[in-house]
Structure formats: C-alpha cells, structure tokens
Amino acid sequence: MTLALPDSFPSTRLAAHAVAEHVLCPVRYAAVRRVGLAPAPDGVVTPEFALDSGARRVVGLRGSDVVDSIDGEERRTPVTTLRAAGQFLGVAPGAPPLWAATTPLDLDAPLALDVASMSELAAWFGTVADALTGFALDAPQTLWPEHFDLAINLSLGGGEATFGGSPGDDDLSEPYAYVVPPADPVPDGDNAFWNARFGAALPHSSVSSAESLVAFFDEARQRLTAS
C-alpha cells in the first residue's frame, strides 16, 4: 500500500465493485444463498463453497482477470464486460434480490481495470484485514458486495458497532477506515473524532500501517465503551 494512489484508482475501484456485486456475489448466492466475499492478495474472491456435486469452488477477481477454481483446477480470462464475466462463470449478471444495486448493471460497458490500481485496492483491503484481526481476533470479517467494504460487527455501547474499511465511495473518494456507532454518530460529542456522517473516518492518506488502524479502532472502542 502506498500513500499516493494511481490516477486510475477511482475507475478501477468502480469496475471492481461492479464485478463483485453483479458477478462474483451472484455465483456464490446461487449456490449457497450467501453473499459475503473476502479479500485476496491480488483482488477479491468468494469464500470456498460446495457445489451439488461435492466439488469445492472459488471465483474471484484477481488482478485484471476473472478466475474460476474448482477443486484446485483454475481457469481465468481477462475482464472486459459484466456480460463476458458472467458468461465465463456461468451466471446471469445482476445483484441478488436482497438490496437495490449500488453499481450500474451496464452489461456491455467496458470495465476499466488497471493492474497497478487493483494491486493498491487489494493492498488496502489486506491492511484493513490485518488491522481488524489485530483489533478483534475472533470477529468474523466480511467483504460486503453491495457496499464494497470489509467489516466486522461488535456489541459495544448498548448496541452493535461496525468497524471496517472502504476503498472509497460517495462519502469519501479515497480509501478510508471507519467506525459506525450503534446509534448516535457522536456518542461523546467530539466532532473532531466522529467526523463523518455515519460516525468516524480515517482516510487512506493518514494511514501508515495496520497498527495505525488498530489504534484508530481501539480509540473508537474506548469512546463507545465509556459513553
């Protein structure tokens, strides 16, 4: 992870989000009725799931390729469009009927995926994953395809708080770590810390390591526990 992101990062993030929401997630949902994804060293993948045949399958976006692995036998193809990615994986593109799609379902629009930007996106999710593990070792992590963020939930402050990281969205254009309190977004009245519409955010440009994210999450937990 570097502090200066490539100029192609925003368009790559949007393309990767669309593939995750409209192609990868539907493959897993069709098989096991689950939607969560996971970060990979070079992209985003489904957790391994079982097919009716008993075979084990993982599909993912790795670098600039769509990858399909069944019982360890891998095939891949370059990302071009949602339609082509869906045909390669054997699924009709489209978000599951559990939420209103957050990315456009433009089947034949070229997907602008830059390898260097995908590397930075994967590195960011990796840093967030390491920080969440250091912060709350046993909490299950999920990369949600609708929001395209990696997060955990913890019972704190009289409710459930969410800790995670996003590669950027309508709230902040650059990647950021975040904490969403159970209720009031400023539980202790400190708007300098609770600086976002949804709670607290720490931008990518202020993150030096996974340890700095752990410190951010720890401070939020202390504030929520004390409030």
Protein backbone atom coordinates (compact mmCIF):
# COMPACT_ATOMS: atom_id res chain seq x y z
CA MET A 1 0.00 0.00 0.00
CA THR A 2 1.37 3.41 -0.98
CA LEU A 3 0.19 6.84 0.10
CA ALA A 4 -0.13 8.16 -3.48
CA LEU A 5 -2.75 6.19 -5.40
CA PRO A 6 -2.67 5.88 -9.22
CA ASP A 7 -4.93 8.22 -11.19
CA SER A 8 -6.77 5.14 -12.42
CA PHE A 9 -7.73 4.05 -8.90
CA PRO A 10 -11.29 5.53 -8.83
CA SER A 11 -12.31 3.95 -12.14
CA THR A 12 -10.72 0.64 -11.17
CA ARG A 13 -12.50 0.70 -7.82
CA LEU A 14 -15.85 1.25 -9.52
CA ALA A 15 -15.21 -1.54 -12.04
CA ALA A 16 -14.10 -3.96 -9.33
CA HIS A 17 -17.16 -3.09 -7.24
CA ALA A 18 -19.45 -3.80 -10.21
CA VAL A 19 -17.83 -7.19 -10.83
CA ALA A 20 -18.08 -8.06 -7.13
CA GLU A 21 -21.75 -7.06 -6.87
CA HIS A 22 -23.07 -8.27 -10.23
CA VAL A 23 -20.92 -11.34 -10.97
CA LEU A 24 -18.94 -12.79 -8.05
CA CYS A 25 -21.66 -12.41 -5.43
CA PRO A 26 -24.40 -13.93 -7.65
CA VAL A 27 -22.29 -17.03 -8.28
CA ARG A 28 -22.00 -17.72 -4.55
CA TYR A 29 -25.60 -16.70 -3.85
CA ALA A 30 -26.94 -19.11 -6.47
CA ALA A 31 -25.02 -21.98 -4.90
CA VAL A 32 -25.36 -21.43 -1.14
CA ARG A 33 -27.61 -18.37 -0.66
CA ARG A 34 -24.81 -16.36 0.90
CA VAL A 35 -23.38 -13.09 -0.43
CA GLY A 36 -20.22 -12.24 1.52
CA LEU A 37 -16.86 -12.03 -0.23
CA ALA A 38 -13.27 -11.92 1.02
CA PRO A 39 -10.08 -10.02 0.18
CA ALA A 40 -7.27 -11.80 -1.65
CA PRO A 41 -3.61 -10.78 -2.12
CA ASP A 42 -4.37 -9.59 -5.65
CA GLY A 43 -8.10 -8.91 -5.59
CA VAL A 44 -11.45 -10.09 -4.25
CA VAL A 45 -12.81 -13.65 -4.07
CA THR A 46 -15.67 -15.70 -2.75
CA PRO A 47 -15.01 -17.93 0.23
CA GLU A 48 -14.80 -21.54 -0.89
CA PHE A 49 -18.25 -23.09 -1.29
CA ALA A 50 -19.60 -26.53 -2.17
CA LEU A 51 -21.36 -27.41 -5.42
CA ASP A 52 -24.13 -30.01 -5.61
CA SER A 53 -21.53 -32.43 -6.98
CA GLY A 54 -19.47 -32.04 -3.83
CA ALA A 55 -16.75 -30.13 -5.64
CA ARG A 56 -15.32 -27.03 -3.96
CA ARG A 57 -15.41 -23.77 -5.89
CA VAL A 58 -13.91 -20.29 -5.54
CA VAL A 59 -14.50 -17.47 -8.02
CA GLY A 60 -12.79 -14.12 -7.92
CA LEU A 61 -11.39 -11.00 -9.47
CA ARG A 62 -7.60 -11.41 -9.39
CA GLY A 63 -5.59 -8.58 -10.89
CA SER A 64 -7.31 -7.88 -14.21
CA ASP A 65 -8.70 -11.43 -14.60
CA VAL A 66 -11.86 -13.23 -13.62
CA VAL A 67 -10.78 -16.53 -12.07
CA ASP A 68 -12.75 -19.74 -11.56
CA SER A 69 -11.25 -22.53 -9.42
CA ILE A 70 -12.99 -25.89 -8.91
CA ASP A 71 -11.19 -28.41 -6.72
CA GLY A 72 -7.99 -26.50 -7.31
CA GLU A 73 -8.21 -26.53 -11.11
CA GLU A 74 -8.08 -22.91 -12.21
CA ARG A 75 -9.11 -21.14 -15.35
CA ARG A 76 -9.11 -17.41 -15.98
CA THR A 77 -9.95 -14.77 -18.53
CA PRO A 78 -9.25 -11.02 -18.75
CA VAL A 79 -12.01 -8.73 -17.52
CA THR A 80 -13.80 -6.95 -20.36
CA THR A 81 -17.50 -6.51 -19.55
CA LEU A 82 -20.02 -7.74 -16.99
CA ARG A 83 -21.72 -9.82 -19.66
CA ALA A 84 -18.49 -11.58 -20.62
CA ALA A 85 -17.53 -12.16 -16.97
CA GLY A 86 -20.95 -13.64 -16.27
CA GLN A 87 -20.75 -15.93 -19.28
CA PHE A 88 -17.31 -17.14 -18.21
CA LEU A 89 -18.57 -18.01 -14.71
CA GLY A 90 -21.94 -19.32 -15.86
CA VAL A 91 -24.15 -16.73 -14.18
CA ALA A 92 -26.51 -14.02 -15.37
CA PRO A 93 -25.04 -10.74 -14.04
CA GLY A 94 -27.14 -8.84 -11.56
CA ALA A 95 -27.15 -8.20 -7.83
CA PRO A 96 -29.13 -10.70 -5.72
CA PRO A 97 -32.72 -9.67 -4.87
CA LEU A 98 -31.68 -8.60 -1.37
CA TRP A 99 -30.87 -4.92 -1.99
CA ALA A 100 -31.14 -2.25 -4.66
CA ALA A 101 -27.98 -2.45 -6.78
CA THR A 102 -25.39 0.15 -5.84
CA THR A 103 -23.42 -0.08 -9.12
CA PRO A 104 -24.82 0.19 -12.66
CA LEU A 105 -25.74 -3.07 -14.39
CA ASP A 106 -24.36 -2.00 -17.78
CA LEU A 107 -23.70 -5.38 -19.34
CA ASP A 108 -21.58 -4.28 -22.29
CA ALA A 109 -19.79 -1.22 -20.92
CA PRO A 110 -16.00 -1.70 -20.96
CA LEU A 111 -14.64 -2.25 -17.45
CA ALA A 112 -11.59 -0.10 -16.75
CA LEU A 113 -9.41 -2.31 -14.55
CA ASP A 114 -5.81 -1.20 -14.14
CA VAL A 115 -3.45 -3.80 -12.65
CA ALA A 116 -1.50 -1.26 -10.58
CA SER A 117 -4.71 0.13 -9.12
CA MET A 118 -6.04 -3.36 -8.41
CA SER A 119 -2.81 -4.04 -6.54
CA GLU A 120 -3.38 -0.96 -4.40
CA LEU A 121 -7.03 -1.89 -3.79
CA ALA A 122 -6.00 -5.39 -2.71
CA ALA A 123 -3.25 -3.96 -0.50
CA TRP A 124 -5.75 -1.65 1.19
CA PHE A 125 -8.17 -4.48 1.93
CA GLY A 126 -5.22 -6.53 3.18
CA THR A 127 -4.20 -3.74 5.56
CA VAL A 128 -7.77 -3.43 6.83
CA ALA A 129 -7.99 -7.22 7.30
CA ASP A 130 -4.75 -7.27 9.28
CA ALA A 131 -5.96 -4.38 11.44
CA LEU A 132 -9.33 -5.98 12.13
CA THR A 133 -7.59 -9.21 13.11
CA GLY A 134 -5.25 -7.33 15.44
CA PHE A 135 -8.16 -5.39 16.89
CA ALA A 136 -10.68 -8.23 17.32
CA LEU A 137 -9.05 -11.57 16.58
CA ASP A 138 -12.15 -13.77 16.67
CA ALA A 139 -14.65 -11.47 14.97
CA PRO A 140 -15.66 -12.80 11.52
CA GLN A 141 -14.78 -10.44 8.67
CA THR A 142 -16.98 -9.97 5.61
CA LEU A 143 -16.38 -8.03 2.41
CA TRP A 144 -19.89 -6.88 1.56
CA PRO A 145 -20.50 -6.69 -2.21
CA GLU A 146 -23.23 -4.06 -2.02
CA HIS A 147 -21.07 -1.54 -0.12
CA PHE A 148 -17.71 -2.99 -1.21
CA ASP A 149 -16.25 -2.70 2.27
CA LEU A 150 -14.58 -5.12 4.67
CA ALA A 151 -16.10 -5.02 8.14
CA ILE A 152 -16.84 -6.66 11.48
CA ASN A 153 -19.62 -6.04 14.00
CA LEU A 154 -19.06 -5.85 17.77
CA SER A 155 -21.52 -5.40 20.64
CA LEU A 156 -20.49 -2.11 22.26
CA GLY A 157 -22.09 0.91 23.85
CA GLY A 158 -25.51 -0.68 24.23
CA GLY A 159 -25.74 -1.91 20.66
CA GLU A 160 -23.83 -3.19 17.66
CA ALA A 161 -20.95 -1.11 16.28
CA THR A 162 -19.33 -1.67 12.89
CA PHE A 163 -15.58 -1.40 12.28
CA GLY A 164 -14.20 -1.62 8.76
CA GLY A 165 -12.56 -0.18 5.70
CA SER A 166 -13.78 1.02 2.32
CA PRO A 167 -11.77 1.67 -0.86
CA GLY A 168 -13.84 4.83 -1.37
CA ASP A 169 -17.44 5.76 -2.11
CA ASP A 170 -19.83 8.70 -2.29
CA ASP A 171 -18.88 9.79 1.23
CA LEU A 172 -15.10 9.86 0.66
CA SER A 173 -13.40 9.44 -2.70
CA GLU A 174 -10.21 7.92 -1.25
CA PRO A 175 -10.00 4.68 0.76
CA TYR A 176 -10.78 5.06 4.44
CA ALA A 177 -11.25 3.14 7.66
CA TYR A 178 -14.43 3.75 9.59
CA VAL A 179 -16.41 3.11 12.74
CA VAL A 180 -20.22 3.26 12.86
CA PRO A 181 -21.58 3.63 16.42
CA PRO A 182 -24.70 1.72 17.50
CA ALA A 183 -26.88 4.83 17.42
CA ASP A 184 -25.84 8.47 17.80
CA PRO A 185 -22.87 9.13 15.44
CA VAL A 186 -21.25 11.40 18.05
CA PRO A 187 -21.68 9.45 21.30
CA ASP A 188 -19.27 11.65 23.29
CA GLY A 189 -19.95 14.88 21.42
CA ASP A 190 -16.44 15.04 19.92
CA ASN A 191 -16.99 16.04 16.31
CA ALA A 192 -13.25 16.04 15.66
CA PHE A 193 -13.16 12.26 16.11
CA TRP A 194 -16.69 11.46 14.95
CA ASN A 195 -16.05 13.40 11.76
CA ALA A 196 -18.29 11.65 9.23
CA ARG A 197 -22.00 11.45 8.51
CA PHE A 198 -22.05 7.84 9.71
CA GLY A 199 -19.54 8.07 12.58
CA ALA A 200 -15.73 8.25 12.39
CA ALA A 201 -13.48 8.01 9.34
CA LEU A 202 -9.70 7.81 8.93
CA PRO A 203 -8.59 8.48 5.33
CA HIS A 204 -6.02 6.40 3.46
CA SER A 205 -3.62 9.35 3.37
CA SER A 206 -3.48 9.28 7.20
CA VAL A 207 -2.83 5.54 7.48
CA SER A 208 0.79 4.46 7.78
CA SER A 209 0.29 0.80 8.71
CA ALA A 210 -2.16 -1.78 10.02
CA GLU A 211 -1.04 -0.77 13.50
CA SER A 212 -2.24 2.79 12.95
CA LEU A 213 -5.65 1.40 12.01
CA VAL A 214 -5.70 -0.75 15.13
CA ALA A 215 -5.05 2.40 17.19
CA PHE A 216 -7.96 4.15 15.44
CA PHE A 217 -10.30 1.21 16.11
CA ASP A 218 -9.10 0.96 19.72
CA GLU A 219 -9.79 4.64 20.36
CA ALA A 220 -13.29 4.30 18.95
CA ARG A 221 -13.97 1.23 21.11
CA GLN A 222 -12.79 3.08 24.21
CA ARG A 223 -15.03 6.02 23.41
CA LEU A 224 -18.03 3.77 22.79
CA THR A 225 -17.43 1.79 25.96
CA ALA A 226 -17.13 4.97 28.04
CA SER A 227 -20.19 6.69 26.54
